[in-house]
C-alpha atoms as a PDB file:
ATOM      1  CA  MET A   1       0.000   0.000   0.000  1.00  0.00           C
ATOM      2  CA  LYS A   2       1.222   3.485  -0.822  1.00  0.00           C
ATOM      3  CA  TYR A   3       1.093   6.224   1.776  1.00  0.00           C
ATOM      4  CA  SER A   4       0.909   9.954   1.265  1.00  0.00           C
ATOM      5  CA  ASN A   5       4.156  11.794   2.005  1.00  0.00           C
ATOM      6  CA  ASP A   6       2.607  15.183   2.558  1.00  0.00           C
ATOM      7  CA  VAL A   7       0.242  14.429   5.437  1.00  0.00           C
ATOM      8  CA  LEU A   8       2.011  15.421   8.627  1.00  0.00           C
ATOM      9  CA  ILE A   9       0.150  14.891  11.879  1.00  0.00           C
ATOM     10  CA  ASN A  10       1.861  14.781  15.246  1.00  0.00           C
ATOM     11  CA  GLY A  11       5.196  15.023  13.460  1.00  0.00           C
ATOM     12  CA  GLU A  12       4.861  11.833  11.415  1.00  0.00           C
ATOM     13  CA  THR A  13       3.783  11.117   7.837  1.00  0.00           C
ATOM     14  CA  PHE A  14       2.056   7.948   6.672  1.00  0.00           C
ATOM     15  CA  GLN A  15       5.256   6.923   4.897  1.00  0.00           C
ATOM     16  CA  GLU A  16       7.313   7.375   8.065  1.00  0.00           C
ATOM     17  CA  ARG A  17       4.788   5.329  10.028  1.00  0.00           C
ATOM     18  CA  ALA A  18       4.748   2.640   7.346  1.00  0.00           C
ATOM     19  CA  LYS A  19       8.540   2.352   7.445  1.00  0.00           C
ATOM     20  CA  ARG A  20       8.484   2.189  11.230  1.00  0.00           C
ATOM     21  CA  VAL A  21       5.878  -0.568  11.222  1.00  0.00           C
ATOM     22  CA  GLU A  22       7.562  -2.528   8.433  1.00  0.00           C
ATOM     23  CA  SER A  23      10.988  -2.252  10.060  1.00  0.00           C
ATOM     24  CA  LEU A  24      10.060  -4.231  13.138  1.00  0.00           C
ATOM     25  CA  PRO A  25       7.645  -6.901  14.051  1.00  0.00           C
ATOM     26  CA  LEU A  26       5.303  -4.982  16.265  1.00  0.00           C
ATOM     27  CA  GLY A  27       5.492  -6.029  19.866  1.00  0.00           C
ATOM     28  CA  SER A  28       2.508  -6.229  22.145  1.00  0.00           C
ATOM     29  CA  LYS A  29       2.855  -2.598  23.286  1.00  0.00           C
ATOM     30  CA  GLU A  30       3.115  -1.224  19.741  1.00  0.00           C
ATOM     31  CA  SER A  31       0.260  -3.421  18.537  1.00  0.00           C
ATOM     32  CA  LYS A  32      -1.969  -2.225  21.358  1.00  0.00           C
ATOM     33  CA  GLY A  33      -1.021   1.360  20.507  1.00  0.00           C
ATOM     34  CA  GLU A  34      -2.011   0.905  16.869  1.00  0.00           C
ATOM     35  CA  LEU A  35      -5.296  -0.769  17.876  1.00  0.00           C
ATOM     36  CA  LYS A  36      -6.000   2.186  20.169  1.00  0.00           C
ATOM     37  CA  LYS A  37      -5.531   4.525  17.196  1.00  0.00           C
ATOM     38  CA  PHE A  38      -8.030   2.464  15.203  1.00  0.00           C
ATOM     39  CA  HIS A  39     -10.476   2.613  18.109  1.00  0.00           C
ATOM     40  CA  SER A  40     -10.189   6.406  18.122  1.00  0.00           C
ATOM     41  CA  CYS A  41     -11.288   6.732  14.517  1.00  0.00           C
ATOM     42  CA  LEU A  42     -13.684   3.864  13.747  1.00  0.00           C
ATOM     43  CA  ASN A  43     -16.756   5.763  14.972  1.00  0.00           C
ATOM     44  CA  GLN A  44     -15.776   9.238  13.771  1.00  0.00           C
ATOM     45  CA  THR A  45     -18.740  10.904  12.067  1.00  0.00           C
ATOM     46  CA  ASN A  46     -16.619  11.728   9.025  1.00  0.00           C
ATOM     47  CA  LEU A  47     -15.798   8.016   8.580  1.00  0.00           C
ATOM     48  CA  VAL A  48     -18.873   5.936   9.408  1.00  0.00           C
ATOM     49  CA  PRO A  49     -21.529   5.592   6.692  1.00  0.00           C
ATOM     50  CA  ASP A  50     -24.538   7.903   6.999  1.00  0.00           C
ATOM     51  CA  GLN A  51     -27.499   6.420   8.860  1.00  0.00           C
ATOM     52  CA  CYS A  52     -25.421   3.397   9.960  1.00  0.00           C
ATOM     53  CA  TYR A  53     -26.717   3.444  13.528  1.00  0.00           C
ATOM     54  CA  LYS A  54     -30.333   2.872  12.465  1.00  0.00           C
ATOM     55  CA  MET A  55     -31.198  -0.779  13.011  1.00  0.00           C
ATOM     56  CA  SER A  56     -33.013  -0.977   9.680  1.00  0.00           C
ATOM     57  CA  HIS A  57     -30.040   0.352   7.710  1.00  0.00           C
ATOM     58  CA  ARG A  58     -27.989  -1.972   5.539  1.00  0.00           C
ATOM     59  CA  ASP A  59     -24.709  -0.878   7.182  1.00  0.00           C
ATOM     60  CA  TYR A  60     -25.904  -1.424  10.757  1.00  0.00           C
ATOM     61  CA  PRO A  61     -24.575  -5.003  11.156  1.00  0.00           C
ATOM     62  CA  MET A  62     -21.178  -4.065   9.690  1.00  0.00           C
ATOM     63  CA  VAL A  63     -20.731  -1.171  12.122  1.00  0.00           C
ATOM     64  CA  CYS A  64     -22.188  -3.030  15.126  1.00  0.00           C
ATOM     65  CA  TYR A  65     -20.039  -6.136  14.619  1.00  0.00           C
ATOM     66  CA  THR A  66     -16.977  -3.908  14.328  1.00  0.00           C
ATOM     67  CA  ASN A  67     -17.934  -2.132  17.548  1.00  0.00           C
ATOM     68  CA  GLN A  68     -18.509  -5.502  19.209  1.00  0.00           C
ATOM     69  CA  ILE A  69     -14.872  -6.385  18.460  1.00  0.00           C
ATOM     70  CA  ILE A  70     -13.790  -3.129  20.091  1.00  0.00           C
ATOM     71  CA  ALA A  71     -15.875  -3.916  23.185  1.00  0.00           C
ATOM     72  CA  LEU A  72     -14.526  -7.468  23.412  1.00  0.00           C
ATOM     73  CA  TYR A  73     -10.955  -6.205  23.058  1.00  0.00           C
ATOM     74  CA  LEU A  74     -11.409  -3.516  25.722  1.00  0.00           C
ATOM     75  CA  SER A  75     -12.833  -6.098  28.141  1.00  0.00           C
ATOM     76  CA  ASN A  76      -9.978  -8.541  27.385  1.00  0.00           C
ATOM     77  CA  ASN A  77     -12.482 -11.105  26.078  1.00  0.00           C
ATOM     78  CA  TYR A  78     -10.274 -12.120  23.158  1.00  0.00           C
ATOM     79  CA  ASP A  79     -11.627 -15.655  22.617  1.00  0.00           C
ATOM     80  CA  VAL A  80     -14.833 -14.449  20.918  1.00  0.00           C
ATOM     81  CA  ILE A  81     -13.177 -11.889  18.641  1.00  0.00           C
ATOM     82  CA  PRO A  82     -12.457 -14.356  15.786  1.00  0.00           C
ATOM     83  CA  LEU A  83     -16.198 -15.043  15.446  1.00  0.00           C
ATOM     84  CA  PHE A  84     -16.910 -11.333  15.083  1.00  0.00           C
ATOM     85  CA  ILE A  85     -14.028 -10.861  12.653  1.00  0.00           C
ATOM     86  CA  SER A  86     -15.735 -13.463  10.478  1.00  0.00           C
ATOM     87  CA  ARG A  87     -19.060 -11.625  10.762  1.00  0.00           C
ATOM     88  CA  VAL A  88     -17.494  -8.282   9.875  1.00  0.00           C
ATOM     89  CA  LEU A  89     -15.728  -9.798   6.858  1.00  0.00           C
ATOM     90  CA  SER A  90     -19.080 -11.119   5.635  1.00  0.00           C
ATOM     91  CA  GLN A  91     -20.584  -7.656   6.001  1.00  0.00           C
ATOM     92  CA  LEU A  92     -17.650  -6.022   4.208  1.00  0.00           C
ATOM     93  CA  GLU A  93     -18.262  -8.374   1.294  1.00  0.00           C
ATOM     94  CA  ARG A  94     -22.010  -7.708   1.408  1.00  0.00           C
ATOM     95  CA  ASN A  95     -21.437  -3.941   1.263  1.00  0.00           C
ATOM     96  CA  LYS A  96     -18.637  -3.874  -1.312  1.00  0.00           C
ATOM     97  CA  ASP A  97     -20.948  -2.410  -3.978  1.00  0.00           C
ATOM     98  CA  GLN A  98     -21.684   0.686  -1.886  1.00  0.00           C
ATOM     99  CA  PRO A  99     -19.310   3.537  -2.760  1.00  0.00           C
ATOM    100  CA  ASN A 100     -20.402   5.530   0.317  1.00  0.00           C
ATOM    101  CA  THR A 101     -18.825   2.869   2.552  1.00  0.00           C
ATOM    102  CA  GLU A 102     -15.494   2.552   0.731  1.00  0.00           C
ATOM    103  CA  LYS A 103     -13.314   4.481   3.199  1.00  0.00           C
ATOM    104  CA  TYR A 104     -14.974   2.883   6.207  1.00  0.00           C
ATOM    105  CA  ARG A 105     -14.629  -0.614   4.747  1.00  0.00           C
ATOM    106  CA  SER A 106     -10.962   0.004   3.987  1.00  0.00           C
ATOM    107  CA  VAL A 107     -10.210   1.170   7.525  1.00  0.00           C
ATOM    108  CA  VAL A 108     -12.208  -1.701   9.023  1.00  0.00           C
ATOM    109  CA  TYR A 109     -10.359  -4.254   6.889  1.00  0.00           C
ATOM    110  CA  ASP A 110      -7.016  -2.857   8.055  1.00  0.00           C
ATOM    111  CA  TYR A 111      -8.332  -2.961  11.623  1.00  0.00           C
ATOM    112  CA  LEU A 112      -9.321  -6.619  11.265  1.00  0.00           C
ATOM    113  CA  CYS A 113      -5.848  -7.448   9.923  1.00  0.00           C
ATOM    114  CA  MET A 114      -4.245  -5.638  12.848  1.00  0.00           C
ATOM    115  CA  MET A 115      -6.559  -7.382  15.319  1.00  0.00           C
ATOM    116  CA  ALA A 116      -5.767 -10.786  13.780  1.00  0.00           C
ATOM    117  CA  TYR A 117      -2.050  -9.989  14.071  1.00  0.00           C
ATOM    118  CA  PHE A 118      -2.543  -9.123  17.740  1.00  0.00           C
ATOM    119  CA  LEU A 119      -4.556 -12.281  18.466  1.00  0.00           C
ATOM    120  CA  LEU A 120      -2.057 -14.529  16.706  1.00  0.00           C
ATOM    121  CA  ASN A 121       1.033 -13.075  18.323  1.00  0.00           C
ATOM    122  CA  PHE A 122       0.083 -11.852  21.778  1.00  0.00           C
ATOM    123  CA  CYS A 123      -3.009 -13.710  22.977  1.00  0.00           C
ATOM    124  CA  THR A 124      -3.861 -17.196  24.100  1.00  0.00           C
ATOM    125  CA  VAL A 125      -6.801 -17.561  21.720  1.00  0.00           C
ATOM    126  CA  ASP A 126      -6.970 -21.144  20.505  1.00  0.00           C
ATOM    127  CA  LYS A 127      -5.313 -21.451  17.069  1.00  0.00           C
ATOM    128  CA  ASP A 128      -8.125 -23.771  15.895  1.00  0.00           C
ATOM    129  CA  THR A 129     -10.646 -21.047  16.705  1.00  0.00           C
ATOM    130  CA  ILE A 130      -8.606 -18.497  14.781  1.00  0.00           C
ATOM    131  CA  ASP A 131      -8.304 -20.864  11.810  1.00  0.00           C
ATOM    132  CA  ALA A 132     -12.039 -21.601  11.895  1.00  0.00           C
ATOM    133  CA  PHE A 133     -13.123 -17.969  11.719  1.00  0.00           C
ATOM    134  CA  ILE A 134     -10.311 -15.847  10.293  1.00  0.00           C
ATOM    135  CA  PRO A 135      -9.254 -16.473   6.663  1.00  0.00           C
ATOM    136  CA  LYS A 136      -5.563 -17.147   6.046  1.00  0.00           C
ATOM    137  CA  LYS A 137      -5.324 -13.988   3.947  1.00  0.00           C
ATOM    138  CA  VAL A 138      -6.266 -11.881   6.968  1.00  0.00           C
ATOM    139  CA  GLN A 139      -4.073 -13.931   9.307  1.00  0.00           C
ATOM    140  CA  LYS A 140      -1.052 -13.396   7.065  1.00  0.00           C
ATOM    141  CA  ALA A 141      -1.697  -9.714   6.338  1.00  0.00           C
ATOM    142  CA  GLY A 142       0.482  -8.591   9.230  1.00  0.00           C
ATOM    143  CA  PRO A 143       0.226  -5.344  11.169  1.00  0.00           C
ATOM    144  CA  ARG A 144      -1.658  -2.473   9.594  1.00  0.00           C
ATOM    145  CA  LEU A 145      -1.722   1.245  10.205  1.00  0.00           C
ATOM    146  CA  SER A 146      -4.722   3.205  11.346  1.00  0.00           C
ATOM    147  CA  PRO A 147      -5.609   6.480   9.650  1.00  0.00           C
ATOM    148  CA  LEU A 148      -4.138   9.555  11.267  1.00  0.00           C
ATOM    149  CA  ILE A 149      -6.431  11.900  13.173  1.00  0.00           C
ATOM    150  CA  ASP A 150      -5.650  15.556  13.637  1.00  0.00           C
ATOM    151  CA  ASN A 151      -6.563  16.055  17.284  1.00  0.00           C
ATOM    152  CA  ASN A 152      -7.333  19.741  16.747  1.00  0.00           C
ATOM    153  CA  THR A 153      -9.727  19.409  13.802  1.00  0.00           C
ATOM    154  CA  GLN A 154     -10.744  15.715  14.076  1.00  0.00           C
ATOM    155  CA  GLU A 155      -9.889  15.381  10.378  1.00  0.00           C
ATOM    156  CA  ILE A 156      -8.909  11.880   9.325  1.00  0.00           C
ATOM    157  CA  SER A 157      -6.097  11.389   6.830  1.00  0.00           C
ATOM    158  CA  PHE A 158      -6.367   8.238   4.752  1.00  0.00           C
ATOM    159  CA  LYS A 159      -3.908   6.121   2.873  1.00  0.00           C
ATOM    160  CA  GLU A 160      -3.680   6.635  -0.839  1.00  0.00           C
ATOM    161  CA  ASN A 161      -4.739   3.632  -2.905  1.00  0.00           C
END
């Protein structure tokens, strides 16, 4: 993935972050830090699809399953997360034809890859459970970067495709 050079937030560009992440296998502390950054942006109003919190809306399950993963992670209930990763992946596929969800789906996919990396490397979740619910492609994706958030304006800077 290519990262924009010109976006500078908190003194670091996407490219600098990408090099930092690629240069070392993220340890538990760094992985948790990156997950925390994802958690800070996944419900930002300028990222989530419009109307997604209405139960009758098509995007509701995708957003709710993603938020369920966040809640499970924050409560250290890691064993159930693979099930919800599977559910979110199904919803990402279901919503792939909706252009209004493209940025959100991209960030969520990166989040799921980062979460899978964390579960595989730093948790005691049963490997059979991970294999049953998380596709190999996601398991092998490695650590991913969250978008950057400008804390003053709440603007989110995304990766270039």
